[in-house]
Amino acid sequence: MKILLVDDEAIALQTMENIIRQSDFKSHTILTATNAADAWTIIQTKHPDILFSDIQMPCENGIHLLQKISESQLNLPVIFVSGYSEFSYAQAALRYDAFDYLLKPLNSDIFLACLKKAINAVQEQGNIEKQKEMLSRFFKENQSLLKKQFMETLLINPVTSFSPEQLRQCLSLGLNPDLFYLIGIKCNTTNSMNILQNQEYYISYSLSKKINKDYDGIASCYIGNIVYILMPVTSADPVAEVKSLAYSLICYTREKLFSSITIGISELGNSIQQFPKLNKQIQYCFSYKASNIVSPEDSILFFAEINDYNSSIIEINEIISNLINAIQTRNLNDALEIGDAFFSLIQNENLLTQQDAIKLVELNLHIQLKNFLDDSRDSSYLTAPMTRYCMEQPCSEHSRTIFSNCIKNIIQELSCVTTRNTGIIVNTVIEYINKNYEKQIGLNDAAEFINRNSSYISRLLKKELSMGFSQLLTERRMEAAKELLAHTTMKVSDISEKVGYTSTKYFNQVFYTNFQMAPTDYRFIMKQL
């Protein structure tokens, strides 16, 4: 660290230098000057870290020197050492942010304590600057990843208002276009191709990666088998612009990924807080086109072009889903409140829609209960009153009472169901994965082995382990791969096959996603230990 001492008196200059050289700070470089002009030259050429300066000097005083340093925005702590104790000097020093003010004759202990404080301040500021540089570099290198994570958060946990921190994050990532489309891309899996297990997830991953790499100005993420794109409007013809993007992605998917996709395009949005609404529009596009795709043009649908959209039908489906979730979690109060909201929503619909809504609730409950109750007749006994006694006047007080009683009985029955087999089932799944991870296995294979419903096993794993079957399988395969990389000389391609991957390229992608390094890099690091 460089320390600059400035004083027109040779004795004062020598005193400060001697104090430093006889202290624990003697290893630091000491620079000296006898006037402000020479000191300014040293500051510009040798860039000292700390400055001790007299105030009263010929031609130009220390206050003028501090003013130059302040106006040049140099990060240099300045400590004045002066025999003048007038308040006006202290005021001037404070006005230009002097670090400290010492009086002559110098006390060595006070001088060294001030020097130590200045050194600590310089080191702390240096650490802050390094951290800023590191974070800035990380942000530039990972901006697309940060955008992806931010979009995922908004889509999975939608919000209607942003916190100040979220607003700052949104602005810093450039996710604040005046107008934009939210685009959803869904893979149309064809079993006849049989290219890859969980093919749609691989395609969504590959598409999102290509979009983030090749298309500047737009953000993309994938959730499950759906790719989402936030596309700002930058031209006078936004429809043509978004169609051009859609066609290029359809061609890429067909030619490079050997599959087809359906693309749903929302209405124009002007705030990413509209994500929940725009996502509903995309999902409706998917359901609208599900059975009507015969050409690339049919694979692209703008929500604005749909004439028969009925928002209440979407809301009914959502509220039924919420009701099922409340019942599954045995939350009686929430279930009853959602039940009341369900009837408030359907009471203005025609009789046929009301009856269909009641049937849909009964059907969903019956399907869910089959996973929990050993005897399917118990399921029918609990749910049948809904369609047996509520169809004539679905929204009457009598029907509402029967509906509420059914919910109460179902939750009570579920609460009484023993869970003693839960641990056995989870352990059996883990054991099945441990014995078969080298093979091409999936959730349905494990379910068939255990003789249980695959949906039930999936829910059970997420409830007990907070992860699904695919994640469990991937983690086991990755642990096996790490062991082989660290303790054998097998080729990466052979290890890939050994742990259950038919494609070495895909194995490399999965490994990098999990450990942020390539398999070869992991092997190199482990060999150094």
Protein backbone atom coordinates (compact mmCIF):
# COMPACT_ATOMS: atom_id res chain seq x y z
CA MET A 1 0.00 0.00 0.00
CA LYS A 2 1.36 3.50 -0.88
CA ILE A 3 1.24 6.31 1.70
CA LEU A 4 1.88 9.90 0.54
CA LEU A 5 3.18 12.44 3.11
CA VAL A 6 2.98 16.15 2.22
CA ASP A 7 4.45 18.99 4.30
CA ASP A 8 6.61 22.03 3.50
CA GLU A 9 8.54 21.57 6.78
CA ALA A 10 11.30 18.95 6.46
CA ILE A 11 11.22 18.14 10.19
CA ALA A 12 7.46 17.45 10.14
CA LEU A 13 7.84 15.29 7.04
CA GLN A 14 10.68 13.31 8.62
CA THR A 15 8.68 12.88 11.86
CA MET A 16 5.73 11.27 10.06
CA GLU A 17 8.04 9.01 8.04
CA ASN A 18 9.93 7.89 11.16
CA ILE A 19 6.71 7.06 13.01
CA ILE A 20 5.61 4.79 10.14
CA ARG A 21 9.03 3.12 9.66
CA GLN A 22 9.26 2.27 13.35
CA SER A 23 5.76 0.74 13.43
CA ASP A 24 4.01 -2.40 12.19
CA PHE A 25 3.27 -0.50 8.95
CA LYS A 26 6.94 -0.15 7.91
CA SER A 27 6.48 -2.50 4.95
CA HIS A 28 4.20 -0.02 3.18
CA THR A 29 5.67 2.25 0.49
CA ILE A 30 6.20 5.85 1.63
CA LEU A 31 6.06 8.73 -0.86
CA THR A 32 6.83 12.37 0.09
CA ALA A 33 6.23 15.86 -1.30
CA THR A 34 6.95 19.36 0.04
CA ASN A 35 4.13 21.23 -1.72
CA ALA A 36 0.64 20.67 -3.12
CA ALA A 37 1.71 20.89 -6.78
CA ASP A 38 4.26 18.05 -6.43
CA ALA A 39 1.74 16.07 -4.38
CA TRP A 40 -0.85 16.39 -7.16
CA THR A 41 1.70 15.09 -9.70
CA ILE A 42 2.46 12.08 -7.49
CA ILE A 43 -1.27 11.42 -7.04
CA GLN A 44 -1.79 11.38 -10.81
CA THR A 45 1.27 9.26 -11.65
CA LYS A 46 1.89 6.92 -8.70
CA HIS A 47 -1.69 6.61 -7.36
CA PRO A 48 -1.13 6.53 -3.60
CA ASP A 49 -3.71 4.81 -1.39
CA ILE A 50 -3.59 7.20 1.62
CA LEU A 51 -2.62 10.88 1.92
CA PHE A 52 -1.36 12.76 5.01
CA SER A 53 -1.11 16.48 4.24
CA ASP A 54 -0.31 19.74 5.94
CA ILE A 55 -2.82 22.55 5.41
CA GLN A 56 -0.74 25.76 5.38
CA MET A 57 1.83 25.46 2.56
CA PRO A 58 3.29 28.00 0.09
CA CYS A 59 1.41 28.78 -3.16
CA GLU A 60 -1.37 26.22 -2.70
CA ASN A 61 -2.68 24.88 0.59
CA GLY A 62 -3.91 21.42 1.54
CA ILE A 63 -7.58 22.39 1.28
CA HIS A 64 -7.11 23.23 -2.42
CA LEU A 65 -5.39 19.86 -2.91
CA LEU A 66 -8.32 18.08 -1.24
CA GLN A 67 -10.73 20.03 -3.46
CA LYS A 68 -8.91 18.78 -6.59
CA ILE A 69 -9.06 15.20 -5.30
CA SER A 70 -12.79 15.53 -4.55
CA GLU A 71 -13.63 17.12 -7.93
CA SER A 72 -11.67 14.36 -9.73
CA GLN A 73 -13.69 11.76 -7.79
CA LEU A 74 -10.55 9.96 -6.64
CA ASN A 75 -11.07 7.39 -3.92
CA LEU A 76 -8.21 8.62 -1.74
CA PRO A 77 -8.55 9.06 2.05
CA VAL A 78 -7.04 12.44 3.06
CA ILE A 79 -5.87 13.08 6.65
CA PHE A 80 -4.88 16.63 7.48
CA VAL A 81 -1.95 17.23 9.86
CA SER A 82 -1.76 20.86 10.90
CA GLY A 83 -0.65 23.16 13.68
CA TYR A 84 -3.67 25.34 13.07
CA SER A 85 -6.71 24.39 15.08
CA GLU A 86 -9.05 27.09 13.75
CA PHE A 87 -12.57 25.81 13.17
CA SER A 88 -12.63 27.22 9.60
CA TYR A 89 -10.01 24.67 8.51
CA ALA A 90 -11.96 21.81 10.02
CA GLN A 91 -15.12 23.05 8.27
CA ALA A 92 -13.36 23.16 4.89
CA ALA A 93 -11.90 19.68 5.47
CA LEU A 94 -15.34 18.26 6.25
CA ARG A 95 -16.92 19.97 3.25
CA TYR A 96 -14.62 18.04 0.90
CA ASP A 97 -14.88 14.76 2.86
CA ALA A 98 -11.50 14.66 4.54
CA PHE A 99 -10.95 11.32 6.24
CA ASP A 100 -9.57 12.77 9.51
CA TYR A 101 -7.92 15.84 11.03
CA LEU A 102 -4.80 15.63 13.30
CA LEU A 103 -3.07 18.45 15.20
CA LYS A 104 0.64 19.09 15.52
CA PRO A 105 2.73 18.25 17.42
CA LEU A 106 1.91 14.70 16.43
CA ASN A 107 1.18 12.00 18.96
CA SER A 108 2.57 8.77 17.46
CA ASP A 109 -0.16 6.57 18.92
CA ILE A 110 -2.93 8.80 17.58
CA PHE A 111 -1.16 9.05 14.20
CA LEU A 112 -0.80 5.26 13.90
CA ALA A 113 -4.37 4.63 15.03
CA CYS A 114 -5.56 6.99 12.30
CA LEU A 115 -3.29 5.27 9.75
CA LYS A 116 -4.65 1.85 10.74
CA LYS A 117 -8.23 3.11 10.37
CA ALA A 118 -7.41 4.51 6.91
CA ILE A 119 -5.73 1.25 5.81
CA ASN A 120 -8.78 -0.75 6.93
CA ALA A 121 -11.08 1.63 5.03
CA VAL A 122 -9.00 1.30 1.85
CA GLN A 123 -8.96 -2.51 2.14
CA GLU A 124 -12.72 -2.63 2.76
CA GLN A 125 -13.37 -0.37 -0.22
CA GLY A 126 -11.11 -2.59 -2.32
CA ASN A 127 -13.11 -5.65 -1.31
CA ILE A 128 -16.34 -3.85 -2.21
CA GLU A 129 -14.96 -2.91 -5.64
CA LYS A 130 -13.83 -6.49 -6.26
CA GLN A 131 -17.25 -7.76 -5.27
CA LYS A 132 -18.93 -5.23 -7.57
CA GLU A 133 -16.66 -6.30 -10.42
CA MET A 134 -17.33 -9.97 -9.73
CA LEU A 135 -21.10 -9.45 -9.57
CA SER A 136 -21.07 -7.29 -12.69
CA ARG A 137 -19.11 -9.95 -14.58
CA PHE A 138 -21.44 -12.66 -13.31
CA PHE A 139 -24.47 -10.62 -14.36
CA LYS A 140 -23.13 -10.08 -17.87
CA GLU A 141 -22.17 -13.75 -18.28
CA ASN A 142 -25.41 -15.10 -16.81
CA GLN A 143 -27.99 -12.54 -17.85
CA SER A 144 -29.98 -15.02 -19.93
CA LEU A 145 -29.98 -17.49 -17.00
CA LEU A 146 -31.17 -14.78 -14.59
CA LYS A 147 -33.95 -13.80 -17.01
CA LYS A 148 -34.95 -17.45 -17.28
CA GLN A 149 -35.11 -17.84 -13.49
CA PHE A 150 -37.10 -14.63 -13.08
CA MET A 151 -39.63 -15.71 -15.71
CA GLU A 152 -39.95 -19.15 -14.10
CA THR A 153 -40.67 -17.52 -10.74
CA LEU A 154 -43.41 -15.34 -12.22
CA LEU A 155 -45.02 -18.25 -14.05
CA ILE A 156 -44.89 -20.69 -11.12
CA ASN A 157 -45.72 -18.15 -8.39
CA PRO A 158 -47.61 -15.37 -10.20
CA VAL A 159 -47.98 -12.02 -8.43
CA THR A 160 -50.35 -9.12 -8.97
CA SER A 161 -48.02 -6.49 -7.50
CA PHE A 162 -44.24 -6.27 -7.29
CA SER A 163 -42.08 -5.52 -4.29
CA PRO A 164 -39.45 -2.76 -4.76
CA GLU A 165 -36.78 -5.47 -4.99
CA GLN A 166 -38.70 -7.32 -7.72
CA LEU A 167 -39.15 -4.07 -9.64
CA ARG A 168 -35.40 -3.35 -9.46
CA GLN A 169 -34.64 -6.89 -10.61
CA CYS A 170 -37.13 -6.59 -13.45
CA LEU A 171 -35.58 -3.31 -14.65
CA SER A 172 -31.99 -4.54 -14.32
CA LEU A 173 -32.77 -7.61 -16.44
CA GLY A 174 -34.47 -5.55 -19.13
CA LEU A 175 -37.79 -7.32 -18.56
CA ASN A 176 -39.86 -4.17 -18.82
CA PRO A 177 -40.96 -3.78 -22.46
CA ASP A 178 -43.76 -1.35 -23.25
CA LEU A 179 -45.56 -4.02 -25.29
CA PHE A 180 -44.88 -7.73 -25.59
CA TYR A 181 -46.31 -11.14 -26.48
CA LEU A 182 -46.14 -14.09 -24.11
CA ILE A 183 -45.64 -17.14 -26.31
CA GLY A 184 -46.05 -20.75 -25.27
CA ILE A 185 -44.55 -23.68 -27.19
CA LYS A 186 -45.69 -27.23 -26.49
CA CYS A 187 -44.14 -30.37 -27.96
CA ASN A 188 -46.43 -32.77 -29.79
CA THR A 189 -44.88 -36.08 -28.75
CA THR A 190 -45.24 -39.00 -31.14
CA ASN A 191 -44.62 -42.41 -29.66
CA SER A 192 -43.90 -43.85 -33.08
CA MET A 193 -40.65 -41.88 -33.24
CA ASN A 194 -39.46 -43.38 -29.93
CA ILE A 195 -36.33 -41.24 -30.10
CA LEU A 196 -35.91 -40.54 -26.42
CA GLN A 197 -37.56 -41.23 -23.13
CA ASN A 198 -39.35 -38.06 -21.96
CA GLN A 199 -38.83 -36.65 -25.44
CA GLU A 200 -40.99 -33.57 -24.89
CA TYR A 201 -38.82 -32.40 -21.98
CA TYR A 202 -35.66 -32.73 -24.03
CA ILE A 203 -37.25 -30.74 -26.86
CA SER A 204 -38.41 -27.95 -24.53
CA TYR A 205 -34.90 -27.78 -23.04
CA SER A 206 -33.27 -27.66 -26.48
CA LEU A 207 -35.67 -25.04 -27.81
CA SER A 208 -35.23 -22.75 -24.82
CA LYS A 209 -31.44 -23.04 -25.08
CA LYS A 210 -31.51 -22.17 -28.79
CA ILE A 211 -33.82 -19.19 -28.24
CA ASN A 212 -31.67 -17.72 -25.46
CA LYS A 213 -28.55 -18.19 -27.59
CA ASP A 214 -29.75 -17.05 -31.02
CA TYR A 215 -32.40 -14.40 -30.35
CA ASP A 216 -31.25 -11.18 -28.74
CA GLY A 217 -33.78 -9.07 -26.90
CA ILE A 218 -36.17 -11.86 -25.95
CA ALA A 219 -36.23 -13.99 -22.80
CA SER A 220 -37.12 -17.66 -22.61
CA CYS A 221 -37.57 -20.38 -20.03
CA TYR A 222 -39.06 -23.86 -19.96
CA ILE A 223 -41.33 -25.39 -17.35
CA GLY A 224 -41.94 -29.09 -17.87
CA ASN A 225 -42.74 -29.62 -21.54
CA ILE A 226 -43.69 -26.00 -22.30
CA VAL A 227 -41.29 -23.27 -23.46
CA TYR A 228 -42.30 -19.70 -22.63
CA ILE A 229 -41.03 -16.67 -24.56
CA LEU A 230 -41.29 -13.02 -23.57
CA MET A 231 -41.08 -11.25 -26.93
CA PRO A 232 -40.99 -7.42 -26.97
CA VAL A 233 -42.78 -5.71 -29.87
CA THR A 234 -40.11 -3.89 -31.92
CA SER A 235 -41.75 -3.44 -35.33
CA ALA A 236 -44.77 -1.73 -36.83
CA ASP A 237 -46.22 -5.16 -37.72
CA PRO A 238 -45.97 -7.24 -34.51
CA VAL A 239 -48.15 -10.07 -35.89
CA ALA A 240 -45.77 -10.64 -38.81
CA GLU A 241 -42.81 -10.43 -36.43
CA VAL A 242 -44.13 -13.07 -34.07
CA LYS A 243 -45.23 -15.31 -36.95
CA SER A 244 -41.72 -15.16 -38.40
CA LEU A 245 -40.29 -16.33 -35.08
CA ALA A 246 -42.92 -19.07 -34.78
CA TYR A 247 -42.26 -20.45 -38.30
CA SER A 248 -38.49 -20.53 -37.73
CA LEU A 249 -38.96 -22.48 -34.48
CA ILE A 250 -41.36 -24.93 -36.15
CA CYS A 251 -38.79 -25.58 -38.92
CA TYR A 252 -35.95 -25.96 -36.42
CA THR A 253 -37.93 -28.42 -34.31
CA ARG A 254 -38.95 -30.48 -37.33
CA GLU A 255 -35.49 -30.55 -38.99
CA LYS A 256 -33.19 -30.71 -35.96
CA LEU A 257 -35.28 -32.24 -33.19
CA PHE A 258 -37.47 -34.49 -35.37
CA SER A 259 -40.70 -33.44 -33.74
CA SER A 260 -43.55 -30.94 -34.03
CA ILE A 261 -44.79 -28.18 -31.77
CA THR A 262 -47.92 -26.19 -31.06
CA ILE A 263 -47.50 -22.47 -30.47
CA GLY A 264 -49.98 -20.36 -28.49
CA ILE A 265 -49.62 -16.58 -28.57
CA SER A 266 -51.26 -14.33 -26.01
CA GLU A 267 -52.79 -10.93 -26.52
CA LEU A 268 -50.38 -8.00 -26.32
CA GLY A 269 -49.31 -7.29 -22.73
CA ASN A 270 -47.82 -4.14 -21.24
CA SER A 271 -46.71 -5.45 -17.82
CA ILE A 272 -45.19 -8.77 -16.83
CA GLN A 273 -47.53 -8.69 -13.84
CA GLN A 274 -50.11 -9.83 -16.44
CA PHE A 275 -48.35 -13.21 -16.74
CA PRO A 276 -51.17 -15.18 -15.00
CA LYS A 277 -53.79 -13.83 -17.40
CA LEU A 278 -51.59 -14.24 -20.49
CA ASN A 279 -50.60 -17.77 -19.46
CA LYS A 280 -54.30 -18.72 -19.23
CA GLN A 281 -54.71 -17.51 -22.80
CA ILE A 282 -51.82 -19.69 -23.93
CA GLN A 283 -53.23 -22.76 -22.19
CA TYR A 284 -56.56 -22.14 -23.88
CA CYS A 285 -54.79 -21.95 -27.25
CA PHE A 286 -53.26 -25.38 -26.56
CA SER A 287 -56.61 -26.95 -25.67
CA TYR A 288 -58.31 -25.27 -28.63
CA LYS A 289 -55.79 -26.67 -31.12
CA ALA A 290 -55.23 -30.05 -29.52
CA SER A 291 -57.12 -32.07 -32.13
CA ASN A 292 -56.96 -29.77 -35.15
CA ILE A 293 -53.34 -29.67 -36.37
CA VAL A 294 -52.73 -30.67 -39.98
CA SER A 295 -50.15 -28.07 -41.16
CA PRO A 296 -47.56 -25.64 -39.75
CA GLU A 297 -50.14 -22.85 -40.02
CA ASP A 298 -52.49 -24.84 -37.80
CA SER A 299 -49.73 -25.12 -35.18
CA ILE A 300 -49.77 -21.37 -34.55
CA LEU A 301 -52.74 -19.79 -32.83
CA PHE A 302 -53.21 -16.22 -31.63
CA PHE A 303 -55.53 -16.00 -28.67
CA ALA A 304 -57.00 -12.84 -30.21
CA GLU A 305 -58.26 -14.94 -33.17
CA ILE A 306 -60.38 -17.26 -31.00
CA ASN A 307 -64.01 -16.22 -31.16
CA ASP A 308 -65.63 -18.76 -28.82
CA TYR A 309 -63.49 -18.15 -25.73
CA ASN A 310 -65.52 -18.47 -22.56
CA SER A 311 -63.55 -17.20 -19.59
CA SER A 312 -66.03 -18.62 -17.09
CA ILE A 313 -65.32 -22.19 -18.29
CA ILE A 314 -61.61 -21.67 -17.62
CA GLU A 315 -62.39 -20.22 -14.20
CA ILE A 316 -64.64 -23.18 -13.38
CA ASN A 317 -61.85 -25.62 -14.24
CA GLU A 318 -59.41 -23.65 -12.08
CA ILE A 319 -61.72 -23.50 -9.08
CA ILE A 320 -62.39 -27.26 -9.34
CA SER A 321 -58.63 -27.83 -9.37
CA ASN A 322 -58.28 -25.64 -6.26
CA LEU A 323 -61.09 -27.55 -4.56
CA ILE A 324 -59.42 -30.91 -5.27
CA ASN A 325 -56.13 -29.59 -3.88
CA ALA A 326 -57.81 -28.38 -0.69
CA ILE A 327 -59.47 -31.77 -0.21
CA GLN A 328 -56.20 -33.62 -0.87
CA THR A 329 -54.50 -31.56 1.85
CA ARG A 330 -57.44 -32.20 4.22
CA ASN A 331 -58.06 -28.46 4.58
CA LEU A 332 -61.77 -28.39 5.40
CA ASN A 333 -62.16 -24.61 5.82
CA ASP A 334 -60.50 -23.85 2.48
CA ALA A 335 -62.46 -26.61 0.75
CA LEU A 336 -65.80 -25.26 2.01
CA GLU A 337 -64.88 -21.68 1.03
CA ILE A 338 -63.85 -22.83 -2.44
CA GLY A 339 -67.09 -24.81 -2.65
CA ASP A 340 -69.08 -21.62 -1.97
CA ALA A 341 -67.05 -19.80 -4.62
CA PHE A 342 -67.72 -22.67 -7.04
CA PHE A 343 -71.48 -22.23 -6.70
CA SER A 344 -71.22 -18.44 -6.94
CA LEU A 345 -69.36 -18.90 -10.21
CA ILE A 346 -71.74 -21.39 -11.85
CA GLN A 347 -75.06 -19.92 -10.67
CA ASN A 348 -75.20 -17.54 -13.66
CA GLU A 349 -74.50 -20.30 -16.16
CA ASN A 350 -77.19 -22.32 -17.94
CA LEU A 351 -78.51 -25.54 -16.40
CA LEU A 352 -76.42 -27.80 -18.65
CA THR A 353 -73.17 -26.04 -17.70
CA GLN A 354 -74.10 -26.23 -14.00
CA GLN A 355 -74.77 -29.96 -14.28
CA ASP A 356 -71.52 -30.55 -16.20
CA ALA A 357 -69.59 -28.66 -13.53
CA ILE A 358 -71.06 -30.84 -10.76
CA LYS A 359 -70.26 -33.97 -12.78
CA LEU A 360 -66.70 -32.77 -13.28
CA VAL A 361 -66.21 -32.31 -9.54
CA GLU A 362 -67.60 -35.77 -8.82
CA LEU A 363 -65.42 -37.36 -11.52
CA ASN A 364 -62.24 -35.66 -10.28
CA LEU A 365 -62.93 -36.65 -6.69
CA HIS A 366 -63.69 -40.23 -7.66
CA ILE A 367 -60.40 -40.51 -9.57
CA GLN A 368 -58.40 -38.97 -6.73
CA LEU A 369 -60.01 -41.12 -4.04
CA LYS A 370 -59.17 -44.32 -5.89
CA ASN A 371 -55.51 -43.60 -5.10
CA PHE A 372 -56.17 -43.44 -1.36
CA LEU A 373 -58.94 -45.93 -0.69
CA ASP A 374 -58.43 -49.66 -1.07
CA ASP A 375 -62.04 -50.33 -2.05
CA SER A 376 -63.38 -48.36 -5.06
CA ARG A 377 -66.89 -48.79 -3.66
CA ASP A 378 -65.90 -46.45 -0.82
CA SER A 379 -65.02 -43.83 -3.39
CA SER A 380 -68.40 -44.13 -5.11
CA TYR A 381 -70.22 -44.04 -1.78
CA LEU A 382 -68.53 -40.75 -0.85
CA THR A 383 -68.91 -38.93 -4.18
CA ALA A 384 -72.15 -40.31 -5.69
CA PRO A 385 -74.54 -38.01 -3.72
CA MET A 386 -73.26 -35.05 -5.72
CA THR A 387 -74.63 -36.33 -9.00
CA ARG A 388 -77.51 -38.28 -7.46
CA TYR A 389 -79.17 -35.42 -5.58
CA CYS A 390 -77.77 -32.16 -7.02
CA MET A 391 -78.54 -32.38 -10.75
CA GLU A 392 -82.12 -31.16 -10.84
CA GLN A 393 -81.36 -27.82 -9.21
CA PRO A 394 -77.56 -27.64 -8.95
CA CYS A 395 -77.40 -24.25 -7.22
CA SER A 396 -80.27 -24.66 -4.74
CA GLU A 397 -79.65 -24.53 -0.98
CA HIS A 398 -80.47 -28.25 -0.81
CA SER A 399 -77.78 -29.07 -3.41
CA ARG A 400 -75.23 -26.83 -1.71
CA THR A 401 -75.82 -28.59 1.61
CA ILE A 402 -75.38 -32.03 0.06
CA PHE A 403 -72.26 -30.84 -1.74
CA SER A 404 -70.75 -29.47 1.51
CA ASN A 405 -71.60 -32.66 3.40
CA CYS A 406 -69.87 -34.74 0.73
CA ILE A 407 -66.73 -32.64 1.09
CA LYS A 408 -66.79 -33.00 4.88
CA ASN A 409 -67.27 -36.78 4.65
CA ILE A 410 -64.47 -37.15 2.08
CA ILE A 411 -61.98 -35.14 4.15
CA GLN A 412 -62.94 -37.05 7.29
CA GLU A 413 -62.44 -40.36 5.50
CA LEU A 414 -59.09 -39.27 4.06
CA SER A 415 -57.95 -38.10 7.49
CA CYS A 416 -58.67 -41.58 8.85
CA VAL A 417 -56.80 -43.41 6.12
CA THR A 418 -53.69 -44.99 7.55
CA THR A 419 -50.35 -43.90 6.13
CA ARG A 420 -48.30 -46.74 7.52
CA ASN A 421 -47.45 -48.00 4.03
CA THR A 422 -46.10 -44.65 2.87
CA GLY A 423 -42.54 -45.28 4.02
CA ILE A 424 -42.57 -48.80 2.58
CA ILE A 425 -43.69 -47.55 -0.83
CA VAL A 426 -41.11 -44.73 -0.95
CA ASN A 427 -38.31 -47.07 0.11
CA THR A 428 -39.41 -49.62 -2.48
CA VAL A 429 -39.25 -46.97 -5.22
CA ILE A 430 -35.75 -45.93 -4.11
CA GLU A 431 -34.64 -49.56 -4.02
CA TYR A 432 -36.11 -50.13 -7.48
CA ILE A 433 -34.15 -47.14 -8.83
CA ASN A 434 -30.92 -48.29 -7.15
CA LYS A 435 -31.21 -51.71 -8.80
CA ASN A 436 -32.37 -50.55 -12.23
CA TYR A 437 -30.97 -47.06 -12.90
CA GLU A 438 -28.68 -48.48 -15.61
CA LYS A 439 -31.77 -49.48 -17.62
CA GLN A 440 -34.32 -47.38 -19.48
CA ILE A 441 -36.91 -47.09 -16.69
CA GLY A 442 -39.64 -44.61 -15.87
CA LEU A 443 -42.36 -43.90 -13.34
CA ASN A 444 -44.78 -46.33 -14.99
CA ASP A 445 -42.24 -49.16 -14.70
CA ALA A 446 -41.82 -48.50 -10.97
CA ALA A 447 -45.58 -48.26 -10.51
CA GLU A 448 -46.10 -51.57 -12.29
CA PHE A 449 -43.40 -53.17 -10.14
CA ILE A 450 -45.02 -51.90 -6.93
CA ASN A 451 -48.52 -52.53 -8.28
CA ARG A 452 -49.70 -48.98 -7.52
CA ASN A 453 -51.13 -46.12 -9.54
CA SER A 454 -48.33 -44.02 -11.09
CA SER A 455 -50.04 -40.71 -10.26
CA TYR A 456 -50.34 -41.77 -6.62
CA ILE A 457 -46.64 -42.70 -6.46
CA SER A 458 -45.68 -39.40 -8.07
CA ARG A 459 -47.66 -37.42 -5.48
CA LEU A 460 -46.30 -39.56 -2.66
CA LEU A 461 -42.69 -38.96 -3.69
CA LYS A 462 -43.20 -35.22 -3.98
CA LYS A 463 -44.93 -35.12 -0.60
CA GLU A 464 -42.37 -37.24 1.26
CA LEU A 465 -39.15 -36.33 -0.60
CA SER A 466 -40.06 -33.04 -2.32
CA MET A 467 -38.99 -34.46 -5.69
CA GLY A 468 -40.44 -36.59 -8.47
CA PHE A 469 -39.38 -39.96 -9.88
CA SER A 470 -37.35 -38.42 -12.71
CA GLN A 471 -35.34 -36.28 -10.31
CA LEU A 472 -34.69 -39.28 -8.04
CA LEU A 473 -33.53 -41.31 -11.02
CA THR A 474 -31.33 -38.48 -12.32
CA GLU A 475 -29.71 -37.96 -8.92
CA ARG A 476 -28.92 -41.69 -8.62
CA ARG A 477 -27.46 -41.77 -12.13
CA MET A 478 -25.38 -38.64 -11.45
CA GLU A 479 -23.99 -40.10 -8.22
CA ALA A 480 -23.02 -43.27 -10.08
CA ALA A 481 -21.45 -41.18 -12.85
CA LYS A 482 -19.40 -39.17 -10.32
CA GLU A 483 -18.09 -42.38 -8.76
CA LEU A 484 -17.05 -43.77 -12.14
CA LEU A 485 -15.44 -40.50 -13.22
CA ALA A 486 -13.46 -40.21 -10.00
CA HIS A 487 -12.32 -43.81 -9.57
CA THR A 488 -12.09 -45.33 -13.05
CA THR A 489 -10.51 -44.53 -16.42
CA MET A 490 -13.64 -45.40 -18.39
CA LYS A 491 -14.48 -43.16 -21.34
CA VAL A 492 -17.25 -40.62 -20.76
CA SER A 493 -19.30 -42.27 -23.49
CA ASP A 494 -19.03 -45.64 -21.72
CA ILE A 495 -19.94 -44.07 -18.37
CA SER A 496 -22.94 -42.42 -20.00
CA GLU A 497 -24.19 -45.79 -21.20
CA LYS A 498 -23.28 -47.47 -17.92
CA VAL A 499 -25.55 -45.13 -15.90
CA GLY A 500 -28.53 -45.40 -18.23
CA TYR A 501 -28.15 -42.73 -20.95
CA THR A 502 -28.36 -43.68 -24.60
CA SER A 503 -26.95 -40.32 -25.73
CA THR A 504 -23.56 -39.08 -24.51
CA LYS A 505 -24.48 -35.54 -25.54
CA TYR A 506 -27.61 -35.61 -23.41
CA PHE A 507 -25.63 -37.13 -20.52
CA ASN A 508 -23.16 -34.22 -20.75
CA GLN A 509 -26.05 -31.73 -20.68
CA VAL A 510 -27.63 -33.33 -17.61
CA PHE A 511 -24.27 -33.51 -15.81
CA TYR A 512 -23.54 -29.86 -16.52
CA THR A 513 -27.03 -28.81 -15.39
CA ASN A 514 -26.53 -30.59 -12.07
CA PHE A 515 -22.90 -29.68 -11.31
CA GLN A 516 -22.15 -26.63 -13.52
CA MET A 517 -19.17 -28.40 -15.07
CA ALA A 518 -18.49 -30.97 -17.78
CA PRO A 519 -17.80 -34.61 -16.80
CA THR A 520 -14.20 -34.29 -18.01
CA ASP A 521 -13.67 -31.21 -15.80
CA TYR A 522 -15.08 -33.08 -12.80
CA ARG A 523 -12.72 -35.99 -13.46
CA PHE A 524 -9.74 -33.62 -13.73
CA ILE A 525 -10.58 -31.93 -10.41
CA MET A 526 -11.04 -35.23 -8.60
CA LYS A 527 -7.69 -36.50 -9.89
CA GLN A 528 -5.98 -33.48 -8.31
CA LEU A 529 -7.35 -34.26 -4.84
